[in-house]
């Protein structure tokens, strides 16, 4: 196993930053200031700024707190592995869909997410799920 180089760390920081931004958006915290986020994640506003701008990678303890506060999977947050939500066990079919999705370009991802969320919104019964799907759809359409 080789040691991580600068390029590897840059990729890791970029991936974390993107997933952290995504998790903040799904939690409805994307418009909060660094000062408002600081007490939630028990760190300085400067550190949050650095996480979001790909300058630093969080410690394991910080990442654990972030994953708990935002209710996302630690593995997803840190590595991009698995599904975003904690405790979800994907089926074989879901993992196959995820693999296909990850191979699409950004326009393809946007197109398929919009379609999937529109379909979900037509069939959802539980109001909380419908609100979550509406938030997700707004994020996809906005990008």
Protein backbone atom coordinates (compact mmCIF):
# COMPACT_ATOMS: atom_id res chain seq x y z
CA UNK A 1 0.00 0.00 0.00
CA UNK A 2 1.48 3.32 -1.03
CA UNK A 3 1.45 6.51 1.03
CA UNK A 4 -0.95 9.26 0.07
CA UNK A 5 0.54 12.08 -1.94
CA UNK A 6 -0.53 15.69 -2.28
CA UNK A 7 -2.75 14.90 -5.24
CA UNK A 8 -4.55 12.17 -3.26
CA UNK A 9 -5.18 14.52 -0.33
CA UNK A 10 -6.44 17.22 -2.68
CA UNK A 11 -8.95 14.74 -4.14
CA UNK A 12 -9.99 13.65 -0.62
CA UNK A 13 -10.50 17.27 0.51
CA UNK A 14 -12.50 18.09 -2.61
CA UNK A 15 -14.74 15.05 -2.18
CA UNK A 16 -15.32 15.77 1.49
CA UNK A 17 -16.12 19.42 0.75
CA UNK A 18 -18.70 18.45 -1.88
CA UNK A 19 -20.36 15.89 0.40
CA UNK A 20 -20.33 18.27 3.37
CA UNK A 21 -22.01 20.94 1.21
CA UNK A 22 -24.58 18.39 0.04
CA UNK A 23 -25.30 17.24 3.60
CA UNK A 24 -25.68 20.85 4.77
CA UNK A 25 -28.15 21.48 1.95
CA UNK A 26 -30.25 18.42 2.76
CA UNK A 27 -30.28 19.47 6.42
CA UNK A 28 -31.46 22.95 5.41
CA UNK A 29 -28.28 24.58 6.72
CA UNK A 30 -26.73 25.70 3.42
CA UNK A 31 -27.58 29.37 4.02
CA UNK A 32 -26.20 29.50 7.56
CA UNK A 33 -23.09 31.57 8.20
CA UNK A 34 -19.86 29.99 9.38
CA UNK A 35 -20.51 31.65 12.76
CA UNK A 36 -23.95 29.98 12.95
CA UNK A 37 -22.51 26.57 11.98
CA UNK A 38 -19.63 26.84 14.44
CA UNK A 39 -21.55 25.81 17.61
CA UNK A 40 -23.31 22.97 15.78
CA UNK A 41 -20.00 21.36 14.81
CA UNK A 42 -18.10 22.51 17.91
CA UNK A 43 -15.32 24.17 15.98
CA UNK A 44 -14.28 27.61 14.77
CA UNK A 45 -15.90 29.37 11.86
CA UNK A 46 -12.46 29.43 10.21
CA UNK A 47 -12.28 25.63 10.34
CA UNK A 48 -15.74 25.31 8.76
CA UNK A 49 -14.67 27.73 6.05
CA UNK A 50 -11.57 25.60 5.38
CA UNK A 51 -13.65 22.40 5.22
CA UNK A 52 -16.04 23.94 2.72
CA UNK A 53 -13.29 25.46 0.60
CA UNK A 54 -11.19 22.28 0.30
CA UNK A 55 -8.33 23.65 2.42
CA UNK A 56 -8.32 20.97 5.12
CA UNK A 57 -9.74 17.53 5.82
CA UNK A 58 -11.51 17.07 9.18
CA UNK A 59 -10.19 14.91 11.98
CA UNK A 60 -11.96 11.61 12.56
CA UNK A 61 -13.65 13.05 15.68
CA UNK A 62 -14.86 16.12 13.80
CA UNK A 63 -16.12 14.00 10.92
CA UNK A 64 -17.97 11.73 13.36
CA UNK A 65 -19.68 14.76 14.92
CA UNK A 66 -20.56 16.16 11.48
CA UNK A 67 -22.06 12.84 10.39
CA UNK A 68 -24.14 12.62 13.58
CA UNK A 69 -25.35 16.24 13.47
CA UNK A 70 -26.29 16.01 9.78
CA UNK A 71 -27.59 12.43 10.09
CA UNK A 72 -25.39 11.12 7.29
CA UNK A 73 -23.23 8.04 7.03
CA UNK A 74 -19.65 8.54 8.25
CA UNK A 75 -18.34 6.39 5.37
CA UNK A 76 -20.28 8.41 2.82
CA UNK A 77 -19.14 11.73 4.30
CA UNK A 78 -15.47 10.83 4.48
CA UNK A 79 -15.03 8.51 1.50
CA UNK A 80 -18.13 8.77 -0.67
CA UNK A 81 -18.85 5.07 -0.01
CA UNK A 82 -22.40 3.76 0.23
CA UNK A 83 -25.49 5.84 0.73
CA UNK A 84 -25.76 9.25 2.33
CA UNK A 85 -28.14 8.28 5.15
CA UNK A 86 -27.04 6.46 8.28
CA UNK A 87 -28.27 2.94 8.95
CA UNK A 88 -29.55 2.35 5.45
CA UNK A 89 -28.71 -1.07 4.03
CA UNK A 90 -28.84 -0.91 0.21
CA UNK A 91 -30.18 -3.80 -1.79
CA UNK A 92 -28.21 -5.30 -4.67
CA UNK A 93 -30.46 -3.43 -7.11
CA UNK A 94 -29.88 -0.13 -5.30
CA UNK A 95 -26.13 -0.62 -5.39
CA UNK A 96 -26.31 -1.38 -9.13
CA UNK A 97 -28.28 1.83 -9.70
CA UNK A 98 -25.74 3.75 -7.63
CA UNK A 99 -22.84 2.36 -9.70
CA UNK A 100 -24.58 3.37 -12.93
CA UNK A 101 -25.41 6.82 -11.56
CA UNK A 102 -21.81 7.43 -10.47
CA UNK A 103 -20.64 6.78 -14.05
CA UNK A 104 -22.89 9.48 -15.54
CA UNK A 105 -21.59 12.95 -16.32
CA UNK A 106 -22.99 15.86 -14.29
CA UNK A 107 -25.71 16.67 -16.84
CA UNK A 108 -26.82 13.03 -16.93
CA UNK A 109 -26.92 12.91 -13.12
CA UNK A 110 -28.99 16.10 -12.97
CA UNK A 111 -31.44 14.83 -15.61
CA UNK A 112 -31.95 11.45 -13.92
CA UNK A 113 -32.22 12.89 -10.41
CA UNK A 114 -34.85 15.39 -11.54
CA UNK A 115 -36.87 12.62 -13.19
CA UNK A 116 -36.58 10.28 -10.18
CA UNK A 117 -37.58 12.96 -7.69
CA UNK A 118 -40.54 14.07 -9.80
CA UNK A 119 -41.71 10.45 -9.90
CA UNK A 120 -41.30 10.08 -6.14
CA UNK A 121 -43.25 13.26 -5.46
CA UNK A 122 -46.21 11.93 -7.45
CA UNK A 123 -46.37 8.75 -5.34
CA UNK A 124 -45.37 9.80 -1.81
CA UNK A 125 -47.95 9.50 0.94
CA UNK A 126 -46.00 10.47 4.07
CA UNK A 127 -45.82 14.31 4.30
CA UNK A 128 -42.29 14.35 5.78
CA UNK A 129 -40.92 12.30 2.88
CA UNK A 130 -42.67 14.55 0.39
CA UNK A 131 -41.05 17.64 1.96
CA UNK A 132 -37.62 15.97 1.82
CA UNK A 133 -38.16 15.11 -1.84
CA UNK A 134 -39.26 18.66 -2.64
CA UNK A 135 -36.07 20.02 -1.03
CA UNK A 136 -33.98 17.54 -3.01
CA UNK A 137 -35.72 18.46 -6.26
CA UNK A 138 -35.06 22.16 -5.67
CA UNK A 139 -31.36 21.39 -5.18
CA UNK A 140 -31.17 19.36 -8.38
CA UNK A 141 -33.02 21.94 -10.47
CA UNK A 142 -30.91 24.77 -9.02
CA UNK A 143 -27.56 23.15 -10.02
